[in-house]
């Protein structure tokens, strides 16, 4: 029983962690889907803006 104290401490730590995660509300499937779609839309807008800036820079920046 050399690990008795360590087991107790680990058990207490696991209980605290479980209690902390139990307090957090679970995200529903519909909310998760809405959030994913909103994130995807934001990324699409960001990519479009970057492509437009790249096109504008290559169109006007090539004159020697």
PDB file of N, CA and C in Angstrom:
ATOM      1  N   UNK A   1       0.822  -1.197   0.000  1.00  0.00           N
ATOM      2  CA  UNK A   1       0.000   0.000   0.000  1.00  0.00           C
ATOM      3  C   UNK A   1       0.863   1.257   0.000  1.00  0.00           C
ATOM      4  N   UNK A   2       1.856   1.265  -0.816  1.00  0.00           N
ATOM      5  CA  UNK A   2       2.709   2.443  -0.875  1.00  0.00           C
ATOM      6  C   UNK A   2       2.045   3.568  -1.657  1.00  0.00           C
ATOM      7  N   UNK A   3       1.078   3.228  -2.513  1.00  0.00           N
ATOM      8  CA  UNK A   3       0.427   4.256  -3.330  1.00  0.00           C
ATOM      9  C   UNK A   3      -0.903   4.716  -2.751  1.00  0.00           C
ATOM     10  N   UNK A   4      -1.251   4.332  -1.561  1.00  0.00           N
ATOM     11  CA  UNK A   4      -2.551   4.650  -0.997  1.00  0.00           C
ATOM     12  C   UNK A   4      -2.870   6.130  -1.007  1.00  0.00           C
ATOM     13  N   UNK A   5      -1.957   6.942  -0.573  1.00  0.00           N
ATOM     14  CA  UNK A   5      -2.171   8.387  -0.516  1.00  0.00           C
ATOM     15  C   UNK A   5      -2.303   8.971  -1.923  1.00  0.00           C
ATOM     16  N   UNK A   6      -1.478   8.487  -2.827  1.00  0.00           N
ATOM     17  CA  UNK A   6      -1.525   9.001  -4.192  1.00  0.00           C
ATOM     18  C   UNK A   6      -2.866   8.661  -4.847  1.00  0.00           C
ATOM     19  N   UNK A   7      -3.365   7.455  -4.599  1.00  0.00           N
ATOM     20  CA  UNK A   7      -4.674   7.070  -5.146  1.00  0.00           C
ATOM     21  C   UNK A   7      -5.766   7.992  -4.638  1.00  0.00           C
ATOM     22  N   UNK A   8      -5.716   8.274  -3.332  1.00  0.00           N
ATOM     23  CA  UNK A   8      -6.730   9.157  -2.757  1.00  0.00           C
ATOM     24  C   UNK A   8      -6.682  10.544  -3.396  1.00  0.00           C
ATOM     25  N   UNK A   9      -5.479  11.058  -3.547  1.00  0.00           N
ATOM     26  CA  UNK A   9      -5.334  12.389  -4.149  1.00  0.00           C
ATOM     27  C   UNK A   9      -5.807  12.386  -5.599  1.00  0.00           C
ATOM     28  N   UNK A  10      -5.468  11.337  -6.329  1.00  0.00           N
ATOM     29  CA  UNK A  10      -5.918  11.245  -7.718  1.00  0.00           C
ATOM     30  C   UNK A  10      -7.436  11.134  -7.803  1.00  0.00           C
ATOM     31  N   UNK A  11      -8.021  10.385  -6.887  1.00  0.00           N
ATOM     32  CA  UNK A  11      -9.473  10.229  -6.867  1.00  0.00           C
ATOM     33  C   UNK A  11     -10.141  11.572  -6.589  1.00  0.00           C
ATOM     34  N   UNK A  12      -9.602  12.335  -5.630  1.00  0.00           N
ATOM     35  CA  UNK A  12     -10.156  13.659  -5.323  1.00  0.00           C
ATOM     36  C   UNK A  12     -10.046  14.587  -6.527  1.00  0.00           C
ATOM     37  N   UNK A  13      -8.895  14.531  -7.192  1.00  0.00           N
ATOM     38  CA  UNK A  13      -8.671  15.376  -8.368  1.00  0.00           C
ATOM     39  C   UNK A  13      -9.667  15.028  -9.478  1.00  0.00           C
ATOM     40  N   UNK A  14      -9.895  13.726  -9.684  1.00  0.00           N
ATOM     41  CA  UNK A  14     -10.841  13.289 -10.709  1.00  0.00           C
ATOM     42  C   UNK A  14     -12.256  13.723 -10.363  1.00  0.00           C
ATOM     43  N   UNK A  15     -12.623  13.668  -9.096  1.00  0.00           N
ATOM     44  CA  UNK A  15     -13.960  14.095  -8.683  1.00  0.00           C
ATOM     45  C   UNK A  15     -14.147  15.593  -8.904  1.00  0.00           C
ATOM     46  N   UNK A  16     -13.127  16.378  -8.608  1.00  0.00           N
ATOM     47  CA  UNK A  16     -13.211  17.823  -8.836  1.00  0.00           C
ATOM     48  C   UNK A  16     -13.368  18.123 -10.326  1.00  0.00           C
ATOM     49  N   UNK A  17     -12.606  17.393 -11.149  1.00  0.00           N
ATOM     50  CA  UNK A  17     -12.667  17.605 -12.587  1.00  0.00           C
ATOM     51  C   UNK A  17     -14.040  17.221 -13.126  1.00  0.00           C
ATOM     52  N   UNK A  18     -14.587  16.114 -12.642  1.00  0.00           N
ATOM     53  CA  UNK A  18     -15.907  15.669 -13.082  1.00  0.00           C
ATOM     54  C   UNK A  18     -16.983  16.661 -12.653  1.00  0.00           C
ATOM     55  N   UNK A  19     -16.856  17.199 -11.458  1.00  0.00           N
ATOM     56  CA  UNK A  19     -17.836  18.165 -10.965  1.00  0.00           C
ATOM     57  C   UNK A  19     -17.775  19.454 -11.792  1.00  0.00           C
ATOM     58  N   UNK A  20     -16.574  19.872 -12.161  1.00  0.00           N
ATOM     59  CA  UNK A  20     -16.422  21.094 -12.951  1.00  0.00           C
ATOM     60  C   UNK A  20     -17.003  20.915 -14.346  1.00  0.00           C
ATOM     61  N   UNK A  21     -16.797  19.749 -14.934  1.00  0.00           N
ATOM     62  CA  UNK A  21     -17.321  19.536 -16.284  1.00  0.00           C
ATOM     63  C   UNK A  21     -18.830  19.314 -16.268  1.00  0.00           C
ATOM     64  N   UNK A  22     -19.375  18.854 -15.157  1.00  0.00           N
ATOM     65  CA  UNK A  22     -20.811  18.641 -15.061  1.00  0.00           C
ATOM     66  C   UNK A  22     -21.560  19.965 -14.984  1.00  0.00           C
ATOM     67  N   UNK A  23     -20.912  21.001 -14.512  1.00  0.00           N
ATOM     68  CA  UNK A  23     -21.545  22.313 -14.388  1.00  0.00           C
ATOM     69  C   UNK A  23     -21.733  22.993 -15.743  1.00  0.00           C
ATOM     70  N   UNK A  24     -20.864  22.666 -16.695  1.00  0.00           N
ATOM     71  CA  UNK A  24     -20.935  23.304 -17.997  1.00  0.00           C
ATOM     72  C   UNK A  24     -22.136  22.757 -18.767  1.00  0.00           C
ATOM     73  N   UNK A  25     -22.923  23.640 -19.356  1.00  0.00           N
ATOM     74  CA  UNK A  25     -24.064  23.151 -20.143  1.00  0.00           C
ATOM     75  C   UNK A  25     -23.576  22.521 -21.446  1.00  0.00           C
ATOM     76  N   UNK A  26     -24.226  21.462 -21.841  1.00  0.00           N
ATOM     77  CA  UNK A  26     -23.884  20.792 -23.088  1.00  0.00           C
ATOM     78  C   UNK A  26     -24.441  21.601 -24.247  1.00  0.00           C
ATOM     79  N   UNK A  27     -23.714  21.609 -25.346  1.00  0.00           N
ATOM     80  CA  UNK A  27     -24.172  22.334 -26.520  1.00  0.00           C
ATOM     81  C   UNK A  27     -25.061  21.410 -27.343  1.00  0.00           C
ATOM     82  N   UNK A  28     -26.233  21.874 -27.665  1.00  0.00           N
ATOM     83  CA  UNK A  28     -27.167  21.037 -28.410  1.00  0.00           C
ATOM     84  C   UNK A  28     -26.713  20.912 -29.867  1.00  0.00           C
ATOM     85  N   UNK A  29     -27.234  19.918 -30.540  1.00  0.00           N
ATOM     86  CA  UNK A  29     -26.846  19.662 -31.925  1.00  0.00           C
ATOM     87  C   UNK A  29     -27.237  20.823 -32.832  1.00  0.00           C
ATOM     88  N   UNK A  30     -28.379  21.434 -32.572  1.00  0.00           N
ATOM     89  CA  UNK A  30     -28.799  22.552 -33.429  1.00  0.00           C
ATOM     90  C   UNK A  30     -27.910  23.770 -33.217  1.00  0.00           C
ATOM     91  N   UNK A  31     -27.564  24.044 -31.961  1.00  0.00           N
ATOM     92  CA  UNK A  31     -26.674  25.170 -31.692  1.00  0.00           C
ATOM     93  C   UNK A  31     -25.297  24.924 -32.290  1.00  0.00           C
ATOM     94  N   UNK A  32     -24.835  23.692 -32.210  1.00  0.00           N
ATOM     95  CA  UNK A  32     -23.532  23.344 -32.768  1.00  0.00           C
ATOM     96  C   UNK A  32     -23.537  23.537 -34.282  1.00  0.00           C
ATOM     97  N   UNK A  33     -24.591  23.095 -34.925  1.00  0.00           N
ATOM     98  CA  UNK A  33     -24.695  23.240 -36.378  1.00  0.00           C
ATOM     99  C   UNK A  33     -24.756  24.711 -36.776  1.00  0.00           C
ATOM    100  N   UNK A  34     -25.524  25.504 -36.040  1.00  0.00           N
ATOM    101  CA  UNK A  34     -25.621  26.938 -36.335  1.00  0.00           C
ATOM    102  C   UNK A  34     -24.265  27.622 -36.174  1.00  0.00           C
ATOM    103  N   UNK A  35     -23.554  27.249 -35.108  1.00  0.00           N
ATOM    104  CA  UNK A  35     -22.243  27.857 -34.862  1.00  0.00           C
ATOM    105  C   UNK A  35     -21.251  27.471 -35.952  1.00  0.00           C
ATOM    106  N   UNK A  36     -21.274  26.207 -36.374  1.00  0.00           N
ATOM    107  CA  UNK A  36     -20.377  25.757 -37.438  1.00  0.00           C
ATOM    108  C   UNK A  36     -20.673  26.494 -38.738  1.00  0.00           C
ATOM    109  N   UNK A  37     -21.946  26.671 -39.045  1.00  0.00           N
ATOM    110  CA  UNK A  37     -22.319  27.365 -40.273  1.00  0.00           C
ATOM    111  C   UNK A  37     -21.898  28.834 -40.222  1.00  0.00           C
ATOM    112  N   UNK A  38     -22.072  29.459 -39.075  1.00  0.00           N
ATOM    113  CA  UNK A  38     -21.661  30.858 -38.931  1.00  0.00           C
ATOM    114  C   UNK A  38     -20.145  30.995 -39.064  1.00  0.00           C
ATOM    115  N   UNK A  39     -19.411  30.066 -38.483  1.00  0.00           N
ATOM    116  CA  UNK A  39     -17.950  30.085 -38.606  1.00  0.00           C
ATOM    117  C   UNK A  39     -17.519  29.888 -40.056  1.00  0.00           C
ATOM    118  N   UNK A  40     -18.180  28.956 -40.735  1.00  0.00           N
ATOM    119  CA  UNK A  40     -17.845  28.694 -42.133  1.00  0.00           C
ATOM    120  C   UNK A  40     -18.131  29.920 -42.995  1.00  0.00           C
ATOM    121  N   UNK A  41     -19.248  30.581 -42.747  1.00  0.00           N
ATOM    122  CA  UNK A  41     -19.597  31.779 -43.511  1.00  0.00           C
ATOM    123  C   UNK A  41     -18.572  32.891 -43.278  1.00  0.00           C
ATOM    124  N   UNK A  42     -18.129  33.028 -42.045  1.00  0.00           N
ATOM    125  CA  UNK A  42     -17.119  34.048 -41.736  1.00  0.00           C
ATOM    126  C   UNK A  42     -15.813  33.742 -42.467  1.00  0.00           C
ATOM    127  N   UNK A  43     -15.434  32.472 -42.520  1.00  0.00           N
ATOM    128  CA  UNK A  43     -14.215  32.102 -43.234  1.00  0.00           C
ATOM    129  C   UNK A  43     -14.353  32.331 -44.735  1.00  0.00           C
ATOM    130  N   UNK A  44     -15.527  32.037 -45.289  1.00  0.00           N
ATOM    131  CA  UNK A  44     -15.748  32.284 -46.717  1.00  0.00           C
ATOM    132  C   UNK A  44     -15.619  33.771 -47.039  1.00  0.00           C
ATOM    133  N   UNK A  45     -16.195  34.605 -46.191  1.00  0.00           N
ATOM    134  CA  UNK A  45     -16.114  36.052 -46.411  1.00  0.00           C
ATOM    135  C   UNK A  45     -14.668  36.527 -46.314  1.00  0.00           C
ATOM    136  N   UNK A  46     -13.943  35.977 -45.379  1.00  0.00           N
ATOM    137  CA  UNK A  46     -12.540  36.359 -45.201  1.00  0.00           C
ATOM    138  C   UNK A  46     -11.711  35.942 -46.417  1.00  0.00           C
ATOM    139  N   UNK A  47     -11.952  34.727 -46.938  1.00  0.00           N
ATOM    140  CA  UNK A  47     -11.227  34.259 -48.111  1.00  0.00           C
ATOM    141  C   UNK A  47     -11.563  35.100 -49.337  1.00  0.00           C
ATOM    142  N   UNK A  48     -12.837  35.452 -49.491  1.00  0.00           N
ATOM    143  CA  UNK A  48     -13.249  36.267 -50.630  1.00  0.00           C
ATOM    144  C   UNK A  48     -12.568  37.631 -50.593  1.00  0.00           C
ATOM    145  N   UNK A  49     -12.524  38.221 -49.412  1.00  0.00           N
ATOM    146  CA  UNK A  49     -11.878  39.532 -49.268  1.00  0.00           C
ATOM    147  C   UNK A  49     -10.395  39.434 -49.604  1.00  0.00           C
ATOM    148  N   UNK A  50      -9.743  38.366 -49.155  1.00  0.00           N
ATOM    149  CA  UNK A  50      -8.319  38.190 -49.411  1.00  0.00           C
ATOM    150  C   UNK A  50      -8.062  38.006 -50.913  1.00  0.00           C
ATOM    151  N   UNK A  51      -8.934  37.231 -51.578  1.00  0.00           N
ATOM    152  CA  UNK A  51      -8.787  37.040 -53.019  1.00  0.00           C
ATOM    153  C   UNK A  51      -8.983  38.343 -53.774  1.00  0.00           C
ATOM    154  N   UNK A  52      -9.945  39.152 -53.346  1.00  0.00           N
ATOM    155  CA  UNK A  52     -10.172  40.442 -53.997  1.00  0.00           C
ATOM    156  C   UNK A  52      -8.981  41.367 -53.819  1.00  0.00           C
ATOM    157  N   UNK A  53      -8.405  41.368 -52.621  1.00  0.00           N
ATOM    158  CA  UNK A  53      -7.222  42.203 -52.377  1.00  0.00           C
ATOM    159  C   UNK A  53      -6.052  41.724 -53.223  1.00  0.00           C
ATOM    160  N   UNK A  54      -5.901  40.416 -53.352  1.00  0.00           N
ATOM    161  CA  UNK A  54      -4.814  39.846 -54.148  1.00  0.00           C
ATOM    162  C   UNK A  54      -4.995  40.195 -55.617  1.00  0.00           C
ATOM    163  N   UNK A  55      -6.234  40.119 -56.105  1.00  0.00           N
ATOM    164  CA  UNK A  55      -6.515  40.458 -57.496  1.00  0.00           C
ATOM    165  C   UNK A  55      -6.265  41.942 -57.760  1.00  0.00           C
ATOM    166  N   UNK A  56      -6.657  42.777 -56.824  1.00  0.00           N
ATOM    167  CA  UNK A  56      -6.448  44.215 -56.975  1.00  0.00           C
ATOM    168  C   UNK A  56      -4.961  44.555 -56.953  1.00  0.00           C
ATOM    169  N   UNK A  57      -4.223  43.879 -56.101  1.00  0.00           N
ATOM    170  CA  UNK A  57      -2.785  44.146 -55.989  1.00  0.00           C
ATOM    171  C   UNK A  57      -2.052  43.667 -57.234  1.00  0.00           C
ATOM    172  N   UNK A  58      -2.427  42.527 -57.765  1.00  0.00           N
ATOM    173  CA  UNK A  58      -1.741  42.025 -58.942  1.00  0.00           C
ATOM    174  C   UNK A  58      -2.137  42.815 -60.204  1.00  0.00           C
ATOM    175  N   UNK A  59      -3.318  43.360 -60.223  1.00  0.00           N
ATOM    176  CA  UNK A  59      -3.776  44.146 -61.369  1.00  0.00           C
ATOM    177  C   UNK A  59      -3.130  45.525 -61.449  1.00  0.00           C
ATOM    178  N   UNK A  60      -2.924  46.165 -60.304  1.00  0.00           N
ATOM    179  CA  UNK A  60      -2.404  47.525 -60.319  1.00  0.00           C
ATOM    180  C   UNK A  60      -0.934  47.599 -59.941  1.00  0.00           C
ATOM    181  N   UNK A  61      -0.379  46.551 -59.396  1.00  0.00           N
ATOM    182  CA  UNK A  61       1.002  46.623 -58.928  1.00  0.00           C
ATOM    183  C   UNK A  61       2.024  46.159 -59.922  1.00  0.00           C
ATOM    184  N   UNK A  62       1.644  45.747 -61.112  1.00  0.00           N
ATOM    185  CA  UNK A  62       2.591  45.177 -62.078  1.00  0.00           C
ATOM    186  C   UNK A  62       3.165  46.193 -63.059  1.00  0.00           C
ATOM    187  N   UNK A  63       2.825  47.471 -63.008  1.00  0.00           N
ATOM    188  CA  UNK A  63       3.290  48.442 -63.971  1.00  0.00           C
ATOM    189  C   UNK A  63       4.740  48.880 -63.735  1.00  0.00           C
ATOM    190  N   UNK A  64       5.610  48.732 -64.798  1.00  0.00           N
ATOM    191  CA  UNK A  64       7.007  49.158 -64.674  1.00  0.00           C
ATOM    192  C   UNK A  64       7.271  50.387 -65.494  1.00  0.00           C
TER     193      UNK A  64
END
